[in-house]
Amino acid sequence: QIINSEDHLRMTGELMLAFIDKGTADNIEVGQQYSVYDRQESAFAKDKQSVSLPPVDFGTILVLHTERTTSTVIVTNAIIAITTGERFRTPIN
């Protein structure tokens, strides 16, 4: 997940640097691109049953530098502000 922005701001936007909680120990490499996404835990269907909603991508990050357990990324696209704690994943093509 996103752990902080370079300037320690609560929100991050395009072309800003941020840090993630994954690094070389997690097979993160410089040049890799990831999607930042939001996932609703559940919603109620007509029959009052809880259902999982698919994740919705709202940004992309590019890995610039890696350490063992953390990495520096640049936000290359952000439809909405990216905040600390947001999750990222391999892009779905």
C-alpha atoms as a PDB file:
ATOM      1  CA  GLN A   1       0.000   0.000   0.000  1.00  0.00           C
ATOM      2  CA  ILE A   2       0.965   3.665  -0.281  1.00  0.00           C
ATOM      3  CA  ILE A   3       2.703   4.576   2.977  1.00  0.00           C
ATOM      4  CA  ASN A   4       3.463   8.272   2.463  1.00  0.00           C
ATOM      5  CA  SER A   5       4.136  11.005  -0.046  1.00  0.00           C
ATOM      6  CA  GLU A   6       7.528  12.644  -0.439  1.00  0.00           C
ATOM      7  CA  ASP A   7       6.264  15.850   1.174  1.00  0.00           C
ATOM      8  CA  HIS A   8       4.331  13.968   3.885  1.00  0.00           C
ATOM      9  CA  LEU A   9       1.058  15.301   2.518  1.00  0.00           C
ATOM     10  CA  ARG A  10      -2.219  13.492   3.142  1.00  0.00           C
ATOM     11  CA  MET A  11      -3.049  13.432  -0.558  1.00  0.00           C
ATOM     12  CA  THR A  12      -0.883  12.790  -3.601  1.00  0.00           C
ATOM     13  CA  GLY A  13      -1.561  13.668  -7.239  1.00  0.00           C
ATOM     14  CA  GLU A  14       0.023  13.267 -10.630  1.00  0.00           C
ATOM     15  CA  LEU A  15       3.803  13.640 -10.892  1.00  0.00           C
ATOM     16  CA  MET A  16       4.259  13.499  -7.110  1.00  0.00           C
ATOM     17  CA  LEU A  17       6.605  11.056  -5.401  1.00  0.00           C
ATOM     18  CA  ALA A  18       5.317   8.529  -2.890  1.00  0.00           C
ATOM     19  CA  PHE A  19       6.522   5.461  -1.044  1.00  0.00           C
ATOM     20  CA  ILE A  20       5.063   1.952  -1.010  1.00  0.00           C
ATOM     21  CA  ASP A  21       5.443  -0.840   1.533  1.00  0.00           C
ATOM     22  CA  LYS A  22       6.931  -3.344  -0.928  1.00  0.00           C
ATOM     23  CA  GLY A  23      10.499  -3.673  -2.164  1.00  0.00           C
ATOM     24  CA  THR A  24      13.044  -6.069  -3.626  1.00  0.00           C
ATOM     25  CA  ALA A  25      12.094  -8.721  -1.058  1.00  0.00           C
ATOM     26  CA  ASP A  26       8.630  -8.665  -2.717  1.00  0.00           C
ATOM     27  CA  ASN A  27      10.051  -8.798  -6.281  1.00  0.00           C
ATOM     28  CA  ILE A  28       9.364  -5.103  -6.937  1.00  0.00           C
ATOM     29  CA  GLU A  29      11.700  -3.747  -9.617  1.00  0.00           C
ATOM     30  CA  VAL A  30      12.498  -0.307 -11.036  1.00  0.00           C
ATOM     31  CA  GLY A  31      10.319   0.432 -14.078  1.00  0.00           C
ATOM     32  CA  GLN A  32       7.331  -1.632 -13.005  1.00  0.00           C
ATOM     33  CA  GLN A  33       3.935   0.043 -13.234  1.00  0.00           C
ATOM     34  CA  TYR A  34       1.005  -0.615 -10.901  1.00  0.00           C
ATOM     35  CA  SER A  35      -2.637   0.438 -10.727  1.00  0.00           C
ATOM     36  CA  VAL A  36      -3.937   2.180  -7.608  1.00  0.00           C
ATOM     37  CA  TYR A  37      -7.422   0.915  -6.832  1.00  0.00           C
ATOM     38  CA  ASP A  38     -10.387   1.173  -4.522  1.00  0.00           C
ATOM     39  CA  ARG A  39     -12.418  -1.831  -3.498  1.00  0.00           C
ATOM     40  CA  GLN A  40     -15.748  -1.638  -1.776  1.00  0.00           C
ATOM     41  CA  GLU A  41     -15.915  -4.306   0.893  1.00  0.00           C
ATOM     42  CA  SER A  42     -19.522  -5.153   0.138  1.00  0.00           C
ATOM     43  CA  ALA A  43     -22.865  -3.839  -0.974  1.00  0.00           C
ATOM     44  CA  PHE A  44     -26.395  -5.026  -0.526  1.00  0.00           C
ATOM     45  CA  ALA A  45     -28.168  -6.719  -3.374  1.00  0.00           C
ATOM     46  CA  LYS A  46     -31.968  -6.878  -3.706  1.00  0.00           C
ATOM     47  CA  ASP A  47     -32.195  -9.912  -1.429  1.00  0.00           C
ATOM     48  CA  LYS A  48     -30.187  -8.192   1.336  1.00  0.00           C
ATOM     49  CA  GLN A  49     -27.183 -10.454   0.762  1.00  0.00           C
ATOM     50  CA  SER A  50     -23.726  -8.960   0.907  1.00  0.00           C
ATOM     51  CA  VAL A  51     -21.779  -9.083  -2.357  1.00  0.00           C
ATOM     52  CA  SER A  52     -18.227  -8.106  -3.208  1.00  0.00           C
ATOM     53  CA  LEU A  53     -17.796  -5.398  -5.799  1.00  0.00           C
ATOM     54  CA  PRO A  54     -14.937  -5.486  -8.302  1.00  0.00           C
ATOM     55  CA  PRO A  55     -11.982  -3.164  -7.688  1.00  0.00           C
ATOM     56  CA  VAL A  56     -11.985   0.198  -9.458  1.00  0.00           C
ATOM     57  CA  ASP A  57      -8.656   1.601 -10.693  1.00  0.00           C
ATOM     58  CA  PHE A  58      -8.202   5.341 -10.230  1.00  0.00           C
ATOM     59  CA  GLY A  59      -4.488   5.898 -10.665  1.00  0.00           C
ATOM     60  CA  THR A  60      -1.151   4.494 -11.766  1.00  0.00           C
ATOM     61  CA  ILE A  61       2.303   4.522 -10.203  1.00  0.00           C
ATOM     62  CA  LEU A  62       5.748   3.804 -11.635  1.00  0.00           C
ATOM     63  CA  VAL A  63       8.591   2.384  -9.522  1.00  0.00           C
ATOM     64  CA  LEU A  64      11.674   4.646  -9.524  1.00  0.00           C
ATOM     65  CA  HIS A  65      13.832   3.187  -6.734  1.00  0.00           C
ATOM     66  CA  THR A  66      13.716   0.065  -4.580  1.00  0.00           C
ATOM     67  CA  GLU A  67      14.996  -0.868  -1.155  1.00  0.00           C
ATOM     68  CA  ARG A  68      14.557  -4.240   0.540  1.00  0.00           C
ATOM     69  CA  THR A  69      11.090  -3.556   2.022  1.00  0.00           C
ATOM     70  CA  THR A  70      10.042  -0.214   0.494  1.00  0.00           C
ATOM     71  CA  SER A  71      10.119   1.547  -2.864  1.00  0.00           C
ATOM     72  CA  THR A  72       9.865   5.065  -4.240  1.00  0.00           C
ATOM     73  CA  VAL A  73       7.209   5.588  -6.918  1.00  0.00           C
ATOM     74  CA  ILE A  74       5.938   8.452  -9.025  1.00  0.00           C
ATOM     75  CA  VAL A  75       2.225   8.910  -9.571  1.00  0.00           C
ATOM     76  CA  THR A  76       1.797   8.898 -13.346  1.00  0.00           C
ATOM     77  CA  ASN A  77      -1.985   9.191 -13.386  1.00  0.00           C
ATOM     78  CA  ALA A  78      -4.595  10.043 -10.760  1.00  0.00           C
ATOM     79  CA  ILE A  79      -8.295  10.472 -11.472  1.00  0.00           C
ATOM     80  CA  ILE A  80      -8.801  11.385  -7.808  1.00  0.00           C
ATOM     81  CA  ALA A  81      -6.307  12.170  -5.042  1.00  0.00           C
ATOM     82  CA  ILE A  82      -4.315   9.215  -3.769  1.00  0.00           C
ATOM     83  CA  THR A  83      -4.109   9.048   0.008  1.00  0.00           C
ATOM     84  CA  THR A  84      -1.977   7.125   2.481  1.00  0.00           C
ATOM     85  CA  GLY A  85      -3.198   3.556   2.774  1.00  0.00           C
ATOM     86  CA  GLU A  86      -4.415   3.197  -0.813  1.00  0.00           C
ATOM     87  CA  ARG A  87      -3.692  -0.193  -2.342  1.00  0.00           C
ATOM     88  CA  PHE A  88      -1.997  -0.997  -5.647  1.00  0.00           C
ATOM     89  CA  ARG A  89      -1.900  -4.024  -7.922  1.00  0.00           C
ATOM     90  CA  THR A  90      -0.572  -5.248 -11.247  1.00  0.00           C
ATOM     91  CA  PRO A  91      -2.524  -3.511 -14.040  1.00  0.00           C
ATOM     92  CA  ILE A  92      -5.240  -5.508 -15.751  1.00  0.00           C
ATOM     93  CA  ASN A  93      -5.029  -5.177 -19.532  1.00  0.00           C
END
